[in-house]
C-alpha cells in the first residue's frame, strides 16, 4: 500500500531556487511576488497566483486539485531561472 504524501510543516525555508521576482523584473515594484523555495527537507514551496477556480473546469484528464490544494501559476522566467538549481534526480 502506498501512503499519501503529506507536507511537513516543521520544514523551514532553506534556499531560493532561481532568482527573485524583483531580479527578473516580475515584481511590478511590489513586495508580494511569486517565488520558489527549497525547504529544509528537500520539498519545494511555491508562491504564485491562485488560479484554482479559473482552471478547475479545464484540467486535463486524470488531473485533480484536492480540497486542501491550490493550483498556482508562476511566470515562465522564474521556472527558467530556477532550472539550474533543481537536481535532475
PDB file of N, CA and C in Angstrom:
ATOM      1  N   UNK A   1       0.843  -1.185   0.000  1.00  0.00           N
ATOM      2  CA  UNK A   1       0.000   0.000   0.000  1.00  0.00           C
ATOM      3  C   UNK A   1       0.888   1.249   0.000  1.00  0.00           C
ATOM      4  N   UNK A   2       0.607   2.180  -0.870  1.00  0.00           N
ATOM      5  CA  UNK A   2       1.362   3.423  -0.966  1.00  0.00           C
ATOM      6  C   UNK A   2       0.720   4.457  -0.057  1.00  0.00           C
ATOM      7  N   UNK A   3       1.543   5.091   0.760  1.00  0.00           N
ATOM      8  CA  UNK A   3       0.994   6.117   1.649  1.00  0.00           C
ATOM      9  C   UNK A   3       0.906   7.447   0.921  1.00  0.00           C
ATOM     10  N   UNK A   4      -0.042   8.242   1.321  1.00  0.00           N
ATOM     11  CA  UNK A   4      -0.256   9.561   0.728  1.00  0.00           C
ATOM     12  C   UNK A   4       0.800  10.532   1.234  1.00  0.00           C
ATOM     13  N   UNK A   5       1.360  11.334   0.333  1.00  0.00           N
ATOM     14  CA  UNK A   5       2.336  12.345   0.723  1.00  0.00           C
ATOM     15  C   UNK A   5       1.652  13.405   1.570  1.00  0.00           C
ATOM     16  N   UNK A   6       2.331  13.820   2.609  1.00  0.00           N
ATOM     17  CA  UNK A   6       1.847  14.901   3.459  1.00  0.00           C
ATOM     18  C   UNK A   6       2.945  15.947   3.601  1.00  0.00           C
ATOM     19  N   UNK A   7       2.586  17.200   3.570  1.00  0.00           N
ATOM     20  CA  UNK A   7       3.547  18.277   3.761  1.00  0.00           C
ATOM     21  C   UNK A   7       4.040  18.273   5.203  1.00  0.00           C
ATOM     22  N   UNK A   8       5.322  18.540   5.376  1.00  0.00           N
ATOM     23  CA  UNK A   8       5.934  18.598   6.704  1.00  0.00           C
ATOM     24  C   UNK A   8       5.988  20.053   7.147  1.00  0.00           C
ATOM     25  N   UNK A   9       5.093  20.443   8.016  1.00  0.00           N
ATOM     26  CA  UNK A   9       5.017  21.839   8.463  1.00  0.00           C
ATOM     27  C   UNK A   9       6.193  22.252   9.344  1.00  0.00           C
ATOM     28  N   UNK A  10       7.027  21.293   9.751  1.00  0.00           N
ATOM     29  CA  UNK A  10       8.214  21.620  10.544  1.00  0.00           C
ATOM     30  C   UNK A  10       9.383  22.040   9.652  1.00  0.00           C
ATOM     31  N   UNK A  11       9.286  21.783   8.341  1.00  0.00           N
ATOM     32  CA  UNK A  11      10.359  22.162   7.415  1.00  0.00           C
ATOM     33  C   UNK A  11      10.456  23.684   7.346  1.00  0.00           C
ATOM     34  N   UNK A  12      11.679  24.163   7.180  1.00  0.00           N
ATOM     35  CA  UNK A  12      11.917  25.607   7.103  1.00  0.00           C
ATOM     36  C   UNK A  12      12.443  25.979   5.719  1.00  0.00           C
ATOM     37  N   UNK A  13      12.418  27.262   5.410  1.00  0.00           N
ATOM     38  CA  UNK A  13      12.918  27.735   4.128  1.00  0.00           C
ATOM     39  C   UNK A  13      14.442  27.634   4.119  1.00  0.00           C
ATOM     40  N   UNK A  14      14.996  26.887   3.156  1.00  0.00           N
ATOM     41  CA  UNK A  14      16.437  26.653   3.105  1.00  0.00           C
ATOM     42  C   UNK A  14      17.127  27.552   2.079  1.00  0.00           C
ATOM     43  N   UNK A  15      16.585  27.589   0.846  1.00  0.00           N
ATOM     44  CA  UNK A  15      17.225  28.421  -0.187  1.00  0.00           C
ATOM     45  C   UNK A  15      16.244  28.699  -1.315  1.00  0.00           C
ATOM     46  N   UNK A  16      16.405  29.869  -1.911  1.00  0.00           N
ATOM     47  CA  UNK A  16      15.599  30.237  -3.072  1.00  0.00           C
ATOM     48  C   UNK A  16      16.088  29.434  -4.267  1.00  0.00           C
ATOM     49  N   UNK A  17      15.180  28.975  -5.081  1.00  0.00           N
ATOM     50  CA  UNK A  17      15.521  28.322  -6.341  1.00  0.00           C
ATOM     51  C   UNK A  17      15.381  29.368  -7.434  1.00  0.00           C
ATOM     52  N   UNK A  18      16.455  29.628  -8.140  1.00  0.00           N
ATOM     53  CA  UNK A  18      16.439  30.653  -9.177  1.00  0.00           C
ATOM     54  C   UNK A  18      16.704  32.020  -8.603  1.00  0.00           C
ATOM     55  N   UNK A  19      16.021  33.006  -9.169  1.00  0.00           N
ATOM     56  CA  UNK A  19      16.209  34.399  -8.754  1.00  0.00           C
ATOM     57  C   UNK A  19      14.879  34.973  -8.280  1.00  0.00           C
ATOM     58  N   UNK A  20      14.953  36.041  -7.533  1.00  0.00           N
ATOM     59  CA  UNK A  20      13.733  36.669  -7.022  1.00  0.00           C
ATOM     60  C   UNK A  20      12.946  37.311  -8.160  1.00  0.00           C
ATOM     61  N   UNK A  21      11.674  37.535  -7.908  1.00  0.00           N
ATOM     62  CA  UNK A  21      10.825  38.198  -8.901  1.00  0.00           C
ATOM     63  C   UNK A  21      11.348  39.593  -9.223  1.00  0.00           C
ATOM     64  N   UNK A  22      11.880  40.282  -8.227  1.00  0.00           N
ATOM     65  CA  UNK A  22      12.433  41.621  -8.455  1.00  0.00           C
ATOM     66  C   UNK A  22      13.625  41.549  -9.413  1.00  0.00           C
ATOM     67  N   UNK A  23      14.503  40.564  -9.211  1.00  0.00           N
ATOM     68  CA  UNK A  23      15.667  40.412 -10.091  1.00  0.00           C
ATOM     69  C   UNK A  23      15.255  40.104 -11.536  1.00  0.00           C
ATOM     70  N   UNK A  24      14.123  39.432 -11.688  1.00  0.00           N
ATOM     71  CA  UNK A  24      13.644  39.039 -13.016  1.00  0.00           C
ATOM     72  C   UNK A  24      12.716  40.073 -13.644  1.00  0.00           C
ATOM     73  N   UNK A  25      12.428  41.151 -12.932  1.00  0.00           N
ATOM     74  CA  UNK A  25      11.526  42.172 -13.452  1.00  0.00           C
ATOM     75  C   UNK A  25      10.073  41.740 -13.439  1.00  0.00           C
ATOM     76  N   UNK A  26       9.723  40.805 -12.538  1.00  0.00           N
ATOM     77  CA  UNK A  26       8.358  40.277 -12.466  1.00  0.00           C
ATOM     78  C   UNK A  26       7.610  40.751 -11.226  1.00  0.00           C
ATOM     79  N   UNK A  27       8.188  41.702 -10.483  1.00  0.00           N
ATOM     80  CA  UNK A  27       7.577  42.098  -9.210  1.00  0.00           C
ATOM     81  C   UNK A  27       6.597  43.250  -9.340  1.00  0.00           C
ATOM     82  N   UNK A  28       6.694  44.007 -10.422  1.00  0.00           N
ATOM     83  CA  UNK A  28       5.828  45.169 -10.569  1.00  0.00           C
ATOM     84  C   UNK A  28       6.058  46.193  -9.473  1.00  0.00           C
ATOM     85  N   UNK A  29       7.227  46.143  -8.842  1.00  0.00           N
ATOM     86  CA  UNK A  29       7.549  47.106  -7.801  1.00  0.00           C
ATOM     87  C   UNK A  29       6.895  46.825  -6.464  1.00  0.00           C
ATOM     88  N   UNK A  30       6.317  45.640  -6.296  1.00  0.00           N
ATOM     89  CA  UNK A  30       5.683  45.308  -5.017  1.00  0.00           C
ATOM     90  C   UNK A  30       6.529  44.298  -4.259  1.00  0.00           C
ATOM     91  N   UNK A  31       6.174  44.077  -3.006  1.00  0.00           N
ATOM     92  CA  UNK A  31       6.885  43.077  -2.209  1.00  0.00           C
ATOM     93  C   UNK A  31       6.139  41.749  -2.173  1.00  0.00           C
ATOM     94  N   UNK A  32       4.930  41.698  -2.728  1.00  0.00           N
ATOM     95  CA  UNK A  32       4.179  40.444  -2.791  1.00  0.00           C
ATOM     96  C   UNK A  32       4.391  39.848  -4.181  1.00  0.00           C
ATOM     97  N   UNK A  33       5.326  38.917  -4.256  1.00  0.00           N
ATOM     98  CA  UNK A  33       5.770  38.415  -5.551  1.00  0.00           C
ATOM     99  C   UNK A  33       5.809  36.900  -5.578  1.00  0.00           C
ATOM    100  N   UNK A  34       5.755  36.323  -6.779  1.00  0.00           N
ATOM    101  CA  UNK A  34       5.923  34.878  -6.883  1.00  0.00           C
ATOM    102  C   UNK A  34       7.337  34.483  -6.467  1.00  0.00           C
ATOM    103  N   UNK A  35       7.481  33.250  -5.996  1.00  0.00           N
ATOM    104  CA  UNK A  35       8.788  32.787  -5.553  1.00  0.00           C
ATOM    105  C   UNK A  35       8.800  31.265  -5.501  1.00  0.00           C
ATOM    106  N   UNK A  36      10.010  30.690  -5.522  1.00  0.00           N
ATOM    107  CA  UNK A  36      10.200  29.242  -5.434  1.00  0.00           C
ATOM    108  C   UNK A  36      11.294  28.992  -4.407  1.00  0.00           C
ATOM    109  N   UNK A  37      11.002  28.146  -3.403  1.00  0.00           N
ATOM    110  CA  UNK A  37      11.960  27.881  -2.334  1.00  0.00           C
ATOM    111  C   UNK A  37      12.097  26.387  -2.064  1.00  0.00           C
ATOM    112  N   UNK A  38      13.327  25.955  -1.860  1.00  0.00           N
ATOM    113  CA  UNK A  38      13.567  24.597  -1.363  1.00  0.00           C
ATOM    114  C   UNK A  38      13.460  24.645   0.151  1.00  0.00           C
ATOM    115  N   UNK A  39      12.763  23.672   0.716  1.00  0.00           N
ATOM    116  CA  UNK A  39      12.620  23.600   2.164  1.00  0.00           C
ATOM    117  C   UNK A  39      13.713  22.711   2.756  1.00  0.00           C
ATOM    118  N   UNK A  40      13.864  22.767   4.046  1.00  0.00           N
ATOM    119  CA  UNK A  40      14.929  22.036   4.732  1.00  0.00           C
ATOM    120  C   UNK A  40      14.840  20.527   4.538  1.00  0.00           C
ATOM    121  N   UNK A  41      13.672  20.007   4.210  1.00  0.00           N
ATOM    122  CA  UNK A  41      13.525  18.567   3.989  1.00  0.00           C
ATOM    123  C   UNK A  41      13.602  18.192   2.504  1.00  0.00           C
ATOM    124  N   UNK A  42      13.900  19.168   1.630  1.00  0.00           N
ATOM    125  CA  UNK A  42      14.009  18.902   0.198  1.00  0.00           C
ATOM    126  C   UNK A  42      12.741  19.171  -0.582  1.00  0.00           C
ATOM    127  N   UNK A  43      11.606  19.334   0.088  1.00  0.00           N
ATOM    128  CA  UNK A  43      10.366  19.684  -0.611  1.00  0.00           C
ATOM    129  C   UNK A  43      10.499  21.110  -1.154  1.00  0.00           C
ATOM    130  N   UNK A  44       9.563  21.499  -2.002  1.00  0.00           N
ATOM    131  CA  UNK A  44       9.616  22.818  -2.636  1.00  0.00           C
ATOM    132  C   UNK A  44       8.332  23.588  -2.315  1.00  0.00           C
ATOM    133  N   UNK A  45       8.498  24.842  -1.911  1.00  0.00           N
ATOM    134  CA  UNK A  45       7.364  25.736  -1.660  1.00  0.00           C
ATOM    135  C   UNK A  45       7.280  26.730  -2.816  1.00  0.00           C
ATOM    136  N   UNK A  46       6.058  26.938  -3.312  1.00  0.00           N
ATOM    137  CA  UNK A  46       5.834  27.830  -4.444  1.00  0.00           C
ATOM    138  C   UNK A  46       4.838  28.910  -4.033  1.00  0.00           C
ATOM    139  N   UNK A  47       5.180  30.148  -4.329  1.00  0.00           N
ATOM    140  CA  UNK A  47       4.266  31.272  -4.110  1.00  0.00           C
ATOM    141  C   UNK A  47       3.896  31.794  -5.493  1.00  0.00           C
ATOM    142  N   UNK A  48       2.619  31.765  -5.805  1.00  0.00           N
ATOM    143  CA  UNK A  48       2.174  32.214  -7.118  1.00  0.00           C
ATOM    144  C   UNK A  48       0.726  32.653  -7.077  1.00  0.00           C
ATOM    145  N   UNK A  49       0.199  33.012  -8.218  1.00  0.00           N
ATOM    146  CA  UNK A  49      -1.211  33.410  -8.306  1.00  0.00           C
ATOM    147  C   UNK A  49      -2.099  32.185  -8.171  1.00  0.00           C
ATOM    148  N   UNK A  50      -3.077  32.257  -7.277  1.00  0.00           N
ATOM    149  CA  UNK A  50      -4.029  31.167  -7.089  1.00  0.00           C
ATOM    150  C   UNK A  50      -5.064  31.219  -8.210  1.00  0.00           C
ATOM    151  N   UNK A  51      -4.934  30.316  -9.164  1.00  0.00           N
ATOM    152  CA  UNK A  51      -5.879  30.249 -10.287  1.00  0.00           C
ATOM    153  C   UNK A  51      -6.665  28.945 -10.259  1.00  0.00           C
ATOM    154  N   UNK A  52      -6.828  28.381  -9.062  1.00  0.00           N
ATOM    155  CA  UNK A  52      -7.549  27.122  -8.901  1.00  0.00           C
ATOM    156  C   UNK A  52      -8.951  27.201  -9.507  1.00  0.00           C
ATOM    157  N   UNK A  53      -9.701  28.216  -9.142  1.00  0.00           N
ATOM    158  CA  UNK A  53     -11.077  28.340  -9.632  1.00  0.00           C
ATOM    159  C   UNK A  53     -11.107  28.525 -11.146  1.00  0.00           C
ATOM    160  N   UNK A  54     -10.176  29.305 -11.671  1.00  0.00           N
ATOM    161  CA  UNK A  54     -10.148  29.575 -13.110  1.00  0.00           C
ATOM    162  C   UNK A  54      -9.912  28.297 -13.923  1.00  0.00           C
ATOM    163  N   UNK A  55      -8.981  27.471 -13.485  1.00  0.00           N
ATOM    164  CA  UNK A  55      -8.618  26.272 -14.243  1.00  0.00           C
ATOM    165  C   UNK A  55      -9.410  25.025 -13.852  1.00  0.00           C
ATOM    166  N   UNK A  56     -10.277  25.115 -12.867  1.00  0.00           N
ATOM    167  CA  UNK A  56     -10.999  23.938 -12.361  1.00  0.00           C
ATOM    168  C   UNK A  56     -11.708  23.151 -13.467  1.00  0.00           C
ATOM    169  N   UNK A  57     -12.338  23.811 -14.395  1.00  0.00           N
ATOM    170  CA  UNK A  57     -13.061  23.128 -15.457  1.00  0.00           C
ATOM    171  C   UNK A  57     -12.213  22.808 -16.675  1.00  0.00           C
ATOM    172  N   UNK A  58     -10.921  23.118 -16.628  1.00  0.00           N
ATOM    173  CA  UNK A  58     -10.045  22.924 -17.785  1.00  0.00           C
ATOM    174  C   UNK A  58      -8.918  21.924 -17.530  1.00  0.00           C
ATOM    175  N   UNK A  59      -8.943  21.250 -16.384  1.00  0.00           N
ATOM    176  CA  UNK A  59      -7.859  20.335 -16.042  1.00  0.00           C
ATOM    177  C   UNK A  59      -7.818  19.150 -17.006  1.00  0.00           C
ATOM    178  N   UNK A  60      -6.631  18.690 -17.367  1.00  0.00           N
ATOM    179  CA  UNK A  60      -6.517  17.524 -18.242  1.00  0.00           C
ATOM    180  C   UNK A  60      -7.093  16.277 -17.566  1.00  0.00           C
ATOM    181  N   UNK A  61      -7.451  15.273 -18.339  1.00  0.00           N
ATOM    182  CA  UNK A  61      -7.961  14.027 -17.755  1.00  0.00           C
ATOM    183  C   UNK A  61      -6.975  13.447 -16.739  1.00  0.00           C
ATOM    184  N   UNK A  62      -7.498  13.008 -15.616  1.00  0.00           N
ATOM    185  CA  UNK A  62      -6.671  12.411 -14.581  1.00  0.00           C
ATOM    186  C   UNK A  62      -6.023  13.399 -13.629  1.00  0.00           C
ATOM    187  N   UNK A  63      -6.209  14.709 -13.874  1.00  0.00           N
ATOM    188  CA  UNK A  63      -5.626  15.735 -13.002  1.00  0.00           C
ATOM    189  C   UNK A  63      -6.731  16.303 -12.120  1.00  0.00           C
ATOM    190  N   UNK A  64      -6.468  16.342 -10.827  1.00  0.00           N
ATOM    191  CA  UNK A  64      -7.427  16.920  -9.887  1.00  0.00           C
ATOM    192  C   UNK A  64      -6.680  17.816  -8.903  1.00  0.00           C
ATOM    193  N   UNK A  65      -7.385  18.763  -8.348  1.00  0.00           N
ATOM    194  CA  UNK A  65      -6.853  19.621  -7.291  1.00  0.00           C
ATOM    195  C   UNK A  65      -7.691  19.327  -6.053  1.00  0.00           C
ATOM    196  N   UNK A  66      -7.035  18.797  -5.015  1.00  0.00           N
ATOM    197  CA  UNK A  66      -7.742  18.432  -3.793  1.00  0.00           C
ATOM    198  C   UNK A  66      -8.261  19.644  -3.046  1.00  0.00           C
ATOM    199  N   UNK A  67      -9.173  19.392  -2.131  1.00  0.00           N
ATOM    200  CA  UNK A  67      -9.748  20.480  -1.334  1.00  0.00           C
ATOM    201  C   UNK A  67      -8.687  21.240  -0.549  1.00  0.00           C
ATOM    202  N   UNK A  68      -7.593  20.558  -0.194  1.00  0.00           N
ATOM    203  CA  UNK A  68      -6.529  21.214   0.567  1.00  0.00           C
ATOM    204  C   UNK A  68      -5.356  21.630  -0.317  1.00  0.00           C
ATOM    205  N   UNK A  69      -5.585  21.724  -1.628  1.00  0.00           N
ATOM    206  CA  UNK A  69      -4.545  22.102  -2.590  1.00  0.00           C
ATOM    207  C   UNK A  69      -4.985  23.329  -3.390  1.00  0.00           C
ATOM    208  N   UNK A  70      -4.012  23.998  -4.003  1.00  0.00           N
ATOM    209  CA  UNK A  70      -4.284  25.136  -4.873  1.00  0.00           C
ATOM    210  C   UNK A  70      -3.428  25.009  -6.120  1.00  0.00           C
ATOM    211  N   UNK A  71      -3.967  25.385  -7.249  1.00  0.00           N
ATOM    212  CA  UNK A  71      -3.214  25.457  -8.496  1.00  0.00           C
ATOM    213  C   UNK A  71      -2.670  26.872  -8.585  1.00  0.00           C
ATOM    214  N   UNK A  72      -1.350  26.991  -8.580  1.00  0.00           N
ATOM    215  CA  UNK A  72      -0.739  28.311  -8.665  1.00  0.00           C
ATOM    216  C   UNK A  72       0.041  28.438  -9.960  1.00  0.00           C
ATOM    217  N   UNK A  73       0.118  29.646 -10.461  1.00  0.00           N
ATOM    218  CA  UNK A  73       0.819  29.935 -11.708  1.00  0.00           C
ATOM    219  C   UNK A  73       1.973  30.885 -11.414  1.00  0.00           C
ATOM    220  N   UNK A  74       3.125  30.579 -12.035  1.00  0.00           N
ATOM    221  CA  UNK A  74       4.327  31.400 -11.908  1.00  0.00           C
ATOM    222  C   UNK A  74       4.724  31.918 -13.277  1.00  0.00           C
ATOM    223  N   UNK A  75       5.449  33.027 -13.324  1.00  0.00           N
ATOM    224  CA  UNK A  75       5.978  33.494 -14.606  1.00  0.00           C
ATOM    225  C   UNK A  75       6.984  32.472 -15.157  1.00  0.00           C
ATOM    226  N   UNK A  76       6.977  32.285 -16.452  1.00  0.00           N
ATOM    227  CA  UNK A  76       7.897  31.352 -17.102  1.00  0.00           C
ATOM    228  C   UNK A  76       9.345  31.682 -16.774  1.00  0.00           C
ATOM    229  N   UNK A  77       9.663  32.963 -16.694  1.00  0.00           N
ATOM    230  CA  UNK A  77      11.040  33.371 -16.418  1.00  0.00           C
ATOM    231  C   UNK A  77      11.538  32.831 -15.075  1.00  0.00           C
ATOM    232  N   UNK A  78      10.639  32.666 -14.109  1.00  0.00           N
ATOM    233  CA  UNK A  78      11.040  32.138 -12.803  1.00  0.00           C
ATOM    234  C   UNK A  78      11.420  30.665 -12.895  1.00  0.00           C
ATOM    235  N   UNK A  79      10.672  29.899 -13.658  1.00  0.00           N
ATOM    236  CA  UNK A  79      10.974  28.473 -13.812  1.00  0.00           C
ATOM    237  C   UNK A  79      12.297  28.305 -14.547  1.00  0.00           C
ATOM    238  N   UNK A  80      12.505  29.082 -15.593  1.00  0.00           N
ATOM    239  CA  UNK A  80      13.756  29.012 -16.345  1.00  0.00           C
ATOM    240  C   UNK A  80      14.938  29.372 -15.445  1.00  0.00           C
ATOM    241  N   UNK A  81      14.787  30.412 -14.627  1.00  0.00           N
ATOM    242  CA  UNK A  81      15.857  30.829 -13.727  1.00  0.00           C
ATOM    243  C   UNK A  81      16.124  29.783 -12.645  1.00  0.00           C
ATOM    244  N   UNK A  82      15.103  29.027 -12.245  1.00  0.00           N
ATOM    245  CA  UNK A  82      15.260  28.019 -11.192  1.00  0.00           C
ATOM    246  C   UNK A  82      15.830  26.706 -11.714  1.00  0.00           C
ATOM    247  N   UNK A  83      15.746  26.468 -13.005  1.00  0.00           N
ATOM    248  CA  UNK A  83      16.158  25.185 -13.575  1.00  0.00           C
ATOM    249  C   UNK A  83      17.552  24.733 -13.140  1.00  0.00           C
ATOM    250  N   UNK A  84      18.577  25.600 -13.162  1.00  0.00           N
ATOM    251  CA  UNK A  84      19.909  25.152 -12.744  1.00  0.00           C
ATOM    252  C   UNK A  84      19.973  24.722 -11.268  1.00  0.00           C
ATOM    253  N   UNK A  85      19.057  25.202 -10.439  1.00  0.00           N
ATOM    254  CA  UNK A  85      19.053  24.877  -9.007  1.00  0.00           C
ATOM    255  C   UNK A  85      18.266  23.605  -8.693  1.00  0.00           C
ATOM    256  N   UNK A  86      17.564  23.051  -9.673  1.00  0.00           N
ATOM    257  CA  UNK A  86      16.736  21.871  -9.463  1.00  0.00           C
ATOM    258  C   UNK A  86      17.499  20.635  -9.921  1.00  0.00           C
ATOM    259  N   UNK A  87      17.751  19.680  -9.018  1.00  0.00           N
ATOM    260  CA  UNK A  87      18.510  18.496  -9.407  1.00  0.00           C
ATOM    261  C   UNK A  87      17.773  17.653 -10.451  1.00  0.00           C
ATOM    262  N   UNK A  88      18.535  16.940 -11.267  1.00  0.00           N
ATOM    263  CA  UNK A  88      17.943  16.063 -12.273  1.00  0.00           C
ATOM    264  C   UNK A  88      17.299  14.831 -11.638  1.00  0.00           C
ATOM    265  N   UNK A  89      17.806  14.392 -10.528  1.00  0.00           N
ATOM    266  CA  UNK A  89      17.243  13.210  -9.878  1.00  0.00           C
ATOM    267  C   UNK A  89      17.254  13.382  -8.381  1.00  0.00           C
TER     268      UNK A  89
END
